[in-house]
Amino acid sequence: MLTDLLQRFEAFEGLSAAELADAARHAQTIDVPAKRWLWRQDRRLGGAYYLAAGRVRTFAPSRHIGHKSPAARVPLYPGHEAARTLSAVRLLHVDAASIGALLGRSDPGAEEDGLEPWEQRFLGSPLMRRLDASVWQQLFSELDERPFATGDELVSKGAPARDFFVLKSGRAAVRNAGETLAQLHPGDFFGEDALILDARRNATVVAIEAGAALRLPKERFVALLVNRVVRFVQSADGGVDIDVGEANCLAELRHRIKGLDPKERYRVIGGRPEERALAAFILAQKGFDAWAIDGPAL
C-alpha cells in the first residue's frame, strides 16, 4: 500500500493515518528502466520524487544511492540537480498539493498546486532543492512575516546582521554606493552574506513596491540551512580549487559563477573559515557541488 511506502521516508514520519491516507491520494509509483536519465540539470519538476526500489546515480551532489541506504529516506528531487538510473528503479512521486498541505498551505485560496507563487520560486531554487520536505516544514514554521512600505529599508548597509530574509510579496532592490546591484522578486532571499561572514551588512536592500518579507533569525538560518548545505571536509580528491584567499575572489564569485562548469566539483580553499563557508553556500545557491576544505563548521 502507498501508505506503508510513504512511512519509509522522513517527511512522512509521525503522520496520522488520516494524513497518510491523504498524502497517498496525491502519490503514485513510477517504474523506470536502467541507464535512463530521470531528470537533467535545470529541469524543474513538480512535487517530490523518492527512491522506492533500485539504485541511482545523482549529480550535484554526486553519489550512488540504493533504496536501502539512509540517503534514500529523503527525496531524490528536490535535493539533486540531476539523476540517472543504475538499475531498474521504482520511484514514488508525491505531488505539490500534498507538499503544500505538509507546509500548511492547503487553504481554499491557495494556488492549484497547493503552493503560492513565492513558495514555488523559493522551493524551486537550487539551494532549497537540496533539502527535504521535513526541513521545509521546519523552516516555514519559523519564518516571521514583516510588512513593509515602498521606500522602507529592509536591510541597511553597515548595520549588524541578525536575520535572513525571504521576499513574500512586493519588490526590492539591492543597492550600494548609489548603484542598483540586483532586483528582488517574491521567492528571492537575501541577507545571507553578512550572516555567514559574521560581519555587518555590505549593501542596502530597499523596497520599491510595498509587500512583506519573511524573517529567520541568524542562529536558525545557520542550523536549518548553512549547516545542511555547507560541507566542511579535511580533504577531497579531485575537483577544481576556488581560493577565496586570492584578492577579490569572494567579491567576484557571483559574477564568475556563470563561467563555471556545472559538471565539475569545486573545492573552496584559502581565506577564513567564514569566507570558505560563504563561497560554498553561494555555489550551492546556483546548484554546484562544492566543499569547504579544512575548517570547522559554523
Foldseek 3Di string as FASTA:
>chain_A
DQLVLLCLADLCPPDDPVLSVVQSVQKDKDKDAAFAKPDAAPDFDFAFKAWSAAWKFFVLPTDIDGCPDPVRNFTPWLAGRIMGGHGITMMMGGGQLSLLVLLVQNDPPDDPRNHHPLRCLQCRFLQNSNDGSVLVNVVSVQWDKDWDAAFDWPAAFPAFQWKKKAFQAAKKFWDDPRDTPDIDGRNDIDRVLCLLLVHGHHTIIGTRHTGMMIIDTSVVCLVSGLVSQAAEDADDPAFAEQEPQDPCSLVCVVVCVVVDDQRTEYEYDYDDPSSLSVSSSSCSSNSHHYYYHDDDRD
